[in-house]
Amino acid sequence: MRNLLRKPLPWMVVTECAIVAALAIVAWHMVASPPAPPASDAQVAVPTAQAREPVTHGPTVVREAPPVQPLLPGLNLESGFWKLRLAELKGRLKV
């Protein structure tokens, strides 16, 4: 047993197992945890007093933006998306 601890091969095997276990833990953390929101370092421009006063030249028309559906994580299931992608792929295969 004493000679076994003096040889480098058992220590290399133990070290390799520890490295693989550490990489597996890091990979699991990367896959299982949700992505962090991106940090915004952009400067925010503060409007001046002149910019805050509305300029009225005529009647104001308020247009509401159409409602936007949030993108679902994972596979895009919209049929138009897949038709476009498959048409591009079919065009590339013909060449």
C-alpha atoms as a PDB file:
ATOM      1  CA  MET A   1       0.000   0.000   0.000  1.00  0.00           C
ATOM      2  CA  ARG A   2       2.849   2.339   0.824  1.00  0.00           C
ATOM      3  CA  ASN A   3       4.460   1.766  -2.584  1.00  0.00           C
ATOM      4  CA  LEU A   4       1.146   2.473  -4.276  1.00  0.00           C
ATOM      5  CA  LEU A   5       1.029   5.973  -2.742  1.00  0.00           C
ATOM      6  CA  ARG A   6       4.582   6.734  -3.866  1.00  0.00           C
ATOM      7  CA  LYS A   7       3.902   6.000  -7.527  1.00  0.00           C
ATOM      8  CA  PRO A   8       2.673   8.908  -9.677  1.00  0.00           C
ATOM      9  CA  LEU A   9       0.002   6.997 -11.637  1.00  0.00           C
ATOM     10  CA  PRO A  10      -2.588   6.750  -8.804  1.00  0.00           C
ATOM     11  CA  TRP A  11      -2.160  10.469  -8.067  1.00  0.00           C
ATOM     12  CA  MET A  12      -2.599  11.312 -11.749  1.00  0.00           C
ATOM     13  CA  VAL A  13      -5.800   9.246 -11.869  1.00  0.00           C
ATOM     14  CA  VAL A  14      -7.173  10.945  -8.744  1.00  0.00           C
ATOM     15  CA  THR A  15      -6.264  14.388 -10.110  1.00  0.00           C
ATOM     16  CA  GLU A  16      -7.865  13.640 -13.462  1.00  0.00           C
ATOM     17  CA  CYS A  17     -11.074  12.498 -11.744  1.00  0.00           C
ATOM     18  CA  ALA A  18     -11.153  15.715  -9.702  1.00  0.00           C
ATOM     19  CA  ILE A  19     -10.674  17.831 -12.836  1.00  0.00           C
ATOM     20  CA  VAL A  20     -13.436  15.995 -14.715  1.00  0.00           C
ATOM     21  CA  ALA A  21     -15.785  16.349 -11.729  1.00  0.00           C
ATOM     22  CA  ALA A  22     -15.061  20.092 -11.500  1.00  0.00           C
ATOM     23  CA  LEU A  23     -15.719  20.567 -15.220  1.00  0.00           C
ATOM     24  CA  ALA A  24     -18.955  18.594 -14.939  1.00  0.00           C
ATOM     25  CA  ILE A  25     -20.110  20.839 -12.073  1.00  0.00           C
ATOM     26  CA  VAL A  26     -19.285  23.990 -14.045  1.00  0.00           C
ATOM     27  CA  ALA A  27     -21.087  22.648 -17.116  1.00  0.00           C
ATOM     28  CA  TRP A  28     -24.138  21.768 -15.025  1.00  0.00           C
ATOM     29  CA  HIS A  29     -24.185  25.290 -13.565  1.00  0.00           C
ATOM     30  CA  MET A  30     -23.990  26.802 -17.058  1.00  0.00           C
ATOM     31  CA  VAL A  31     -26.850  24.648 -18.368  1.00  0.00           C
ATOM     32  CA  ALA A  32     -29.139  24.714 -15.334  1.00  0.00           C
ATOM     33  CA  SER A  33     -28.946  28.400 -14.375  1.00  0.00           C
ATOM     34  CA  PRO A  34     -30.862  31.047 -16.333  1.00  0.00           C
ATOM     35  CA  PRO A  35     -28.755  33.575 -18.219  1.00  0.00           C
ATOM     36  CA  ALA A  36     -27.995  36.791 -16.378  1.00  0.00           C
ATOM     37  CA  PRO A  37     -29.399  39.997 -17.871  1.00  0.00           C
ATOM     38  CA  PRO A  38     -26.755  41.958 -19.745  1.00  0.00           C
ATOM     39  CA  ALA A  39     -25.167  44.777 -17.776  1.00  0.00           C
ATOM     40  CA  SER A  40     -25.853  48.161 -19.292  1.00  0.00           C
ATOM     41  CA  ASP A  41     -22.876  50.492 -19.196  1.00  0.00           C
ATOM     42  CA  ALA A  42     -24.448  52.937 -21.631  1.00  0.00           C
ATOM     43  CA  GLN A  43     -24.754  56.557 -20.605  1.00  0.00           C
ATOM     44  CA  VAL A  44     -28.350  57.742 -20.272  1.00  0.00           C
ATOM     45  CA  ALA A  45     -29.015  61.164 -21.738  1.00  0.00           C
ATOM     46  CA  VAL A  46     -31.094  63.358 -19.450  1.00  0.00           C
ATOM     47  CA  PRO A  47     -33.420  65.671 -21.378  1.00  0.00           C
ATOM     48  CA  THR A  48     -33.051  69.403 -20.793  1.00  0.00           C
ATOM     49  CA  ALA A  49     -35.876  71.744 -19.860  1.00  0.00           C
ATOM     50  CA  GLN A  50     -36.324  72.806 -23.493  1.00  0.00           C
ATOM     51  CA  ALA A  51     -36.586  69.233 -24.667  1.00  0.00           C
ATOM     52  CA  ARG A  52     -39.238  68.493 -22.050  1.00  0.00           C
ATOM     53  CA  GLU A  53     -41.643  71.167 -23.330  1.00  0.00           C
ATOM     54  CA  PRO A  54     -43.950  69.697 -25.961  1.00  0.00           C
ATOM     55  CA  VAL A  55     -44.074  71.458 -29.310  1.00  0.00           C
ATOM     56  CA  THR A  56     -47.657  71.722 -30.533  1.00  0.00           C
ATOM     57  CA  HIS A  57     -48.041  72.472 -34.220  1.00  0.00           C
ATOM     58  CA  GLY A  58     -51.340  70.732 -34.758  1.00  0.00           C
ATOM     59  CA  PRO A  59     -53.456  67.853 -33.598  1.00  0.00           C
ATOM     60  CA  THR A  60     -51.531  65.042 -32.029  1.00  0.00           C
ATOM     61  CA  VAL A  61     -52.121  61.571 -33.406  1.00  0.00           C
ATOM     62  CA  VAL A  62     -51.383  58.793 -30.952  1.00  0.00           C
ATOM     63  CA  ARG A  63     -50.561  55.472 -32.553  1.00  0.00           C
ATOM     64  CA  GLU A  64     -50.475  52.397 -30.449  1.00  0.00           C
ATOM     65  CA  ALA A  65     -47.837  49.831 -31.266  1.00  0.00           C
ATOM     66  CA  PRO A  66     -49.232  46.415 -32.172  1.00  0.00           C
ATOM     67  CA  PRO A  67     -48.905  43.918 -29.339  1.00  0.00           C
ATOM     68  CA  VAL A  68     -45.741  41.853 -29.605  1.00  0.00           C
ATOM     69  CA  GLN A  69     -45.726  38.260 -28.460  1.00  0.00           C
ATOM     70  CA  PRO A  70     -42.707  37.421 -26.328  1.00  0.00           C
ATOM     71  CA  LEU A  71     -40.304  34.902 -27.830  1.00  0.00           C
ATOM     72  CA  LEU A  72     -40.438  31.534 -26.202  1.00  0.00           C
ATOM     73  CA  PRO A  73     -37.149  29.940 -25.226  1.00  0.00           C
ATOM     74  CA  GLY A  74     -36.074  26.960 -27.227  1.00  0.00           C
ATOM     75  CA  LEU A  75     -37.257  25.818 -30.626  1.00  0.00           C
ATOM     76  CA  ASN A  76     -39.093  28.279 -32.881  1.00  0.00           C
ATOM     77  CA  LEU A  77     -42.418  26.631 -33.729  1.00  0.00           C
ATOM     78  CA  GLU A  78     -43.729  29.250 -36.156  1.00  0.00           C
ATOM     79  CA  SER A  79     -44.495  27.667 -39.533  1.00  0.00           C
ATOM     80  CA  GLY A  80     -43.354  30.695 -41.551  1.00  0.00           C
ATOM     81  CA  PHE A  81     -39.935  30.527 -39.947  1.00  0.00           C
ATOM     82  CA  TRP A  82     -39.468  26.888 -40.931  1.00  0.00           C
ATOM     83  CA  LYS A  83     -40.804  27.399 -44.470  1.00  0.00           C
ATOM     84  CA  LEU A  84     -38.253  30.154 -45.031  1.00  0.00           C
ATOM     85  CA  ARG A  85     -35.375  28.155 -43.555  1.00  0.00           C
ATOM     86  CA  LEU A  86     -36.238  24.996 -45.499  1.00  0.00           C
ATOM     87  CA  ALA A  87     -36.528  26.986 -48.741  1.00  0.00           C
ATOM     88  CA  GLU A  88     -33.046  28.451 -48.110  1.00  0.00           C
ATOM     89  CA  LEU A  89     -31.674  24.977 -47.411  1.00  0.00           C
ATOM     90  CA  LYS A  90     -33.313  23.545 -50.527  1.00  0.00           C
ATOM     91  CA  GLY A  91     -31.792  26.361 -52.610  1.00  0.00           C
ATOM     92  CA  ARG A  92     -28.319  25.633 -51.227  1.00  0.00           C
ATOM     93  CA  LEU A  93     -28.598  21.914 -51.925  1.00  0.00           C
ATOM     94  CA  LYS A  94     -29.425  22.466 -55.589  1.00  0.00           C
ATOM     95  CA  VAL A  95     -26.132  24.259 -56.212  1.00  0.00           C
END
